[in-house]
Amino acid sequence: MAVQDDVTTARDALRALERAVATVSGHYGDAVDARRLRLDLERVSQDLDLLCGRDSAPPPPAAPLQVIDDTTYPQDFWMDAEDEGLGGGR
């Protein structure tokens, strides 16, 4: 395998890892270990760029935004909801 093929394989693996880390860290929010995992991933990406040069391939396209219709919800939809920061209205 040529060096360029190996670099391409490493970049593809890094992109797959980025997607996996984004999914997993989404479950843990801003927990310290999730932040550290994202920082480690960023460092690996930077190290690969330093070693092999910047990736000239464009990043994969972003996921499309989901449109939520602005419709009226049934009154009982909000029955047990509380306003964030305001506490319950009971």
C-alpha atoms as a PDB file:
ATOM      1  CA  MET A   1       0.000   0.000   0.000  1.00  0.00           C
ATOM      2  CA  ALA A   2       1.329   3.457  -0.902  1.00  0.00           C
ATOM      3  CA  VAL A   3       1.857   6.130   1.721  1.00  0.00           C
ATOM      4  CA  GLN A   4      -1.001   8.208   0.325  1.00  0.00           C
ATOM      5  CA  ASP A   5      -3.330   5.209   0.593  1.00  0.00           C
ATOM      6  CA  ASP A   6      -2.319   4.749   4.232  1.00  0.00           C
ATOM      7  CA  VAL A   7      -2.919   8.441   4.962  1.00  0.00           C
ATOM      8  CA  THR A   8      -6.333   8.255   3.285  1.00  0.00           C
ATOM      9  CA  THR A   9      -7.198   5.175   5.355  1.00  0.00           C
ATOM     10  CA  ALA A  10      -6.117   6.986   8.543  1.00  0.00           C
ATOM     11  CA  ARG A  11      -8.200  10.071   7.664  1.00  0.00           C
ATOM     12  CA  ASP A  12     -11.251   7.917   6.901  1.00  0.00           C
ATOM     13  CA  ALA A  13     -10.830   6.158  10.241  1.00  0.00           C
ATOM     14  CA  LEU A  14     -10.480   9.528  11.984  1.00  0.00           C
ATOM     15  CA  ARG A  15     -13.716  10.783  10.400  1.00  0.00           C
ATOM     16  CA  ALA A  16     -15.509   7.610  11.508  1.00  0.00           C
ATOM     17  CA  LEU A  17     -14.128   8.097  15.020  1.00  0.00           C
ATOM     18  CA  GLU A  18     -15.260  11.745  14.993  1.00  0.00           C
ATOM     19  CA  ARG A  19     -18.814  10.642  14.178  1.00  0.00           C
ATOM     20  CA  ALA A  20     -18.734   7.967  16.885  1.00  0.00           C
ATOM     21  CA  VAL A  21     -17.327  10.345  19.510  1.00  0.00           C
ATOM     22  CA  ALA A  22     -19.959  12.959  18.636  1.00  0.00           C
ATOM     23  CA  THR A  23     -22.690  10.375  19.140  1.00  0.00           C
ATOM     24  CA  VAL A  24     -21.289   9.023  22.402  1.00  0.00           C
ATOM     25  CA  SER A  25     -20.397  12.408  23.888  1.00  0.00           C
ATOM     26  CA  GLY A  26     -23.919  13.595  23.075  1.00  0.00           C
ATOM     27  CA  HIS A  27     -25.133  11.229  25.758  1.00  0.00           C
ATOM     28  CA  TYR A  28     -22.795  12.741  28.359  1.00  0.00           C
ATOM     29  CA  GLY A  29     -23.045  16.422  27.452  1.00  0.00           C
ATOM     30  CA  ASP A  30     -20.314  18.580  28.921  1.00  0.00           C
ATOM     31  CA  ALA A  31     -18.987  15.984  31.366  1.00  0.00           C
ATOM     32  CA  VAL A  32     -15.254  16.251  31.938  1.00  0.00           C
ATOM     33  CA  ASP A  33     -14.521  12.859  30.369  1.00  0.00           C
ATOM     34  CA  ALA A  34     -16.570  13.705  27.261  1.00  0.00           C
ATOM     35  CA  ARG A  35     -14.680  17.001  26.901  1.00  0.00           C
ATOM     36  CA  ARG A  36     -11.367  15.190  27.300  1.00  0.00           C
ATOM     37  CA  LEU A  37     -12.371  12.644  24.668  1.00  0.00           C
ATOM     38  CA  ARG A  38     -13.227  15.430  22.207  1.00  0.00           C
ATOM     39  CA  LEU A  39      -9.929  17.194  22.964  1.00  0.00           C
ATOM     40  CA  ASP A  40      -7.977  13.955  22.463  1.00  0.00           C
ATOM     41  CA  LEU A  41      -9.691  13.465  19.123  1.00  0.00           C
ATOM     42  CA  GLU A  42      -8.818  17.022  18.092  1.00  0.00           C
ATOM     43  CA  ARG A  43      -5.193  16.397  19.064  1.00  0.00           C
ATOM     44  CA  VAL A  44      -5.069  13.211  16.959  1.00  0.00           C
ATOM     45  CA  SER A  45      -6.445  15.161  14.002  1.00  0.00           C
ATOM     46  CA  GLN A  46      -3.829  17.895  14.470  1.00  0.00           C
ATOM     47  CA  ASP A  47      -1.034  15.317  14.815  1.00  0.00           C
ATOM     48  CA  LEU A  48      -2.104  13.646  11.576  1.00  0.00           C
ATOM     49  CA  ASP A  49      -2.093  17.053   9.836  1.00  0.00           C
ATOM     50  CA  LEU A  50       1.376  17.812  11.209  1.00  0.00           C
ATOM     51  CA  LEU A  51       2.726  14.445  10.128  1.00  0.00           C
ATOM     52  CA  CYS A  52       1.098  14.186   6.695  1.00  0.00           C
ATOM     53  CA  GLY A  53       0.026  17.718   5.790  1.00  0.00           C
ATOM     54  CA  ARG A  54      -3.432  19.211   5.853  1.00  0.00           C
ATOM     55  CA  ASP A  55      -6.282  17.210   4.412  1.00  0.00           C
ATOM     56  CA  SER A  56      -7.197  18.693   1.056  1.00  0.00           C
ATOM     57  CA  ALA A  57     -10.489  16.806   0.865  1.00  0.00           C
ATOM     58  CA  PRO A  58     -13.549  18.817   1.847  1.00  0.00           C
ATOM     59  CA  PRO A  59     -15.228  17.813   5.092  1.00  0.00           C
ATOM     60  CA  PRO A  60     -18.303  15.612   4.787  1.00  0.00           C
ATOM     61  CA  PRO A  61     -21.554  17.534   4.331  1.00  0.00           C
ATOM     62  CA  ALA A  62     -23.418  18.548   7.464  1.00  0.00           C
ATOM     63  CA  ALA A  63     -26.608  16.772   8.360  1.00  0.00           C
ATOM     64  CA  PRO A  64     -29.688  18.583   7.048  1.00  0.00           C
ATOM     65  CA  LEU A  65     -31.634  20.657   9.545  1.00  0.00           C
ATOM     66  CA  GLN A  66     -34.944  19.324  10.710  1.00  0.00           C
ATOM     67  CA  VAL A  67     -37.814  21.745  10.201  1.00  0.00           C
ATOM     68  CA  ILE A  68     -40.398  21.812  12.966  1.00  0.00           C
ATOM     69  CA  ASP A  69     -43.747  23.207  11.893  1.00  0.00           C
ATOM     70  CA  ASP A  70     -45.082  26.123  13.907  1.00  0.00           C
ATOM     71  CA  THR A  71     -48.477  24.685  14.698  1.00  0.00           C
ATOM     72  CA  THR A  72     -50.799  24.856  17.649  1.00  0.00           C
ATOM     73  CA  TYR A  73     -50.462  21.953  20.045  1.00  0.00           C
ATOM     74  CA  PRO A  74     -53.361  20.522  22.055  1.00  0.00           C
ATOM     75  CA  GLN A  75     -53.650  22.162  25.481  1.00  0.00           C
ATOM     76  CA  ASP A  76     -53.013  18.867  27.311  1.00  0.00           C
ATOM     77  CA  PHE A  77     -49.652  18.540  25.506  1.00  0.00           C
ATOM     78  CA  TRP A  78     -48.174  21.078  27.952  1.00  0.00           C
ATOM     79  CA  MET A  79     -50.104  19.915  31.041  1.00  0.00           C
ATOM     80  CA  ASP A  80     -47.117  18.581  33.032  1.00  0.00           C
ATOM     81  CA  ALA A  81     -44.484  20.943  31.583  1.00  0.00           C
ATOM     82  CA  GLU A  82     -42.664  23.536  33.653  1.00  0.00           C
ATOM     83  CA  ASP A  83     -40.921  26.665  32.416  1.00  0.00           C
ATOM     84  CA  GLU A  84     -37.185  26.226  32.736  1.00  0.00           C
ATOM     85  CA  GLY A  85     -35.830  28.439  35.462  1.00  0.00           C
ATOM     86  CA  LEU A  86     -39.234  29.653  36.579  1.00  0.00           C
ATOM     87  CA  GLY A  87     -40.369  26.637  38.530  1.00  0.00           C
ATOM     88  CA  GLY A  88     -43.784  25.122  38.511  1.00  0.00           C
ATOM     89  CA  GLY A  89     -46.921  27.188  38.223  1.00  0.00           C
ATOM     90  CA  ARG A  90     -48.872  25.004  40.605  1.00  0.00           C
END
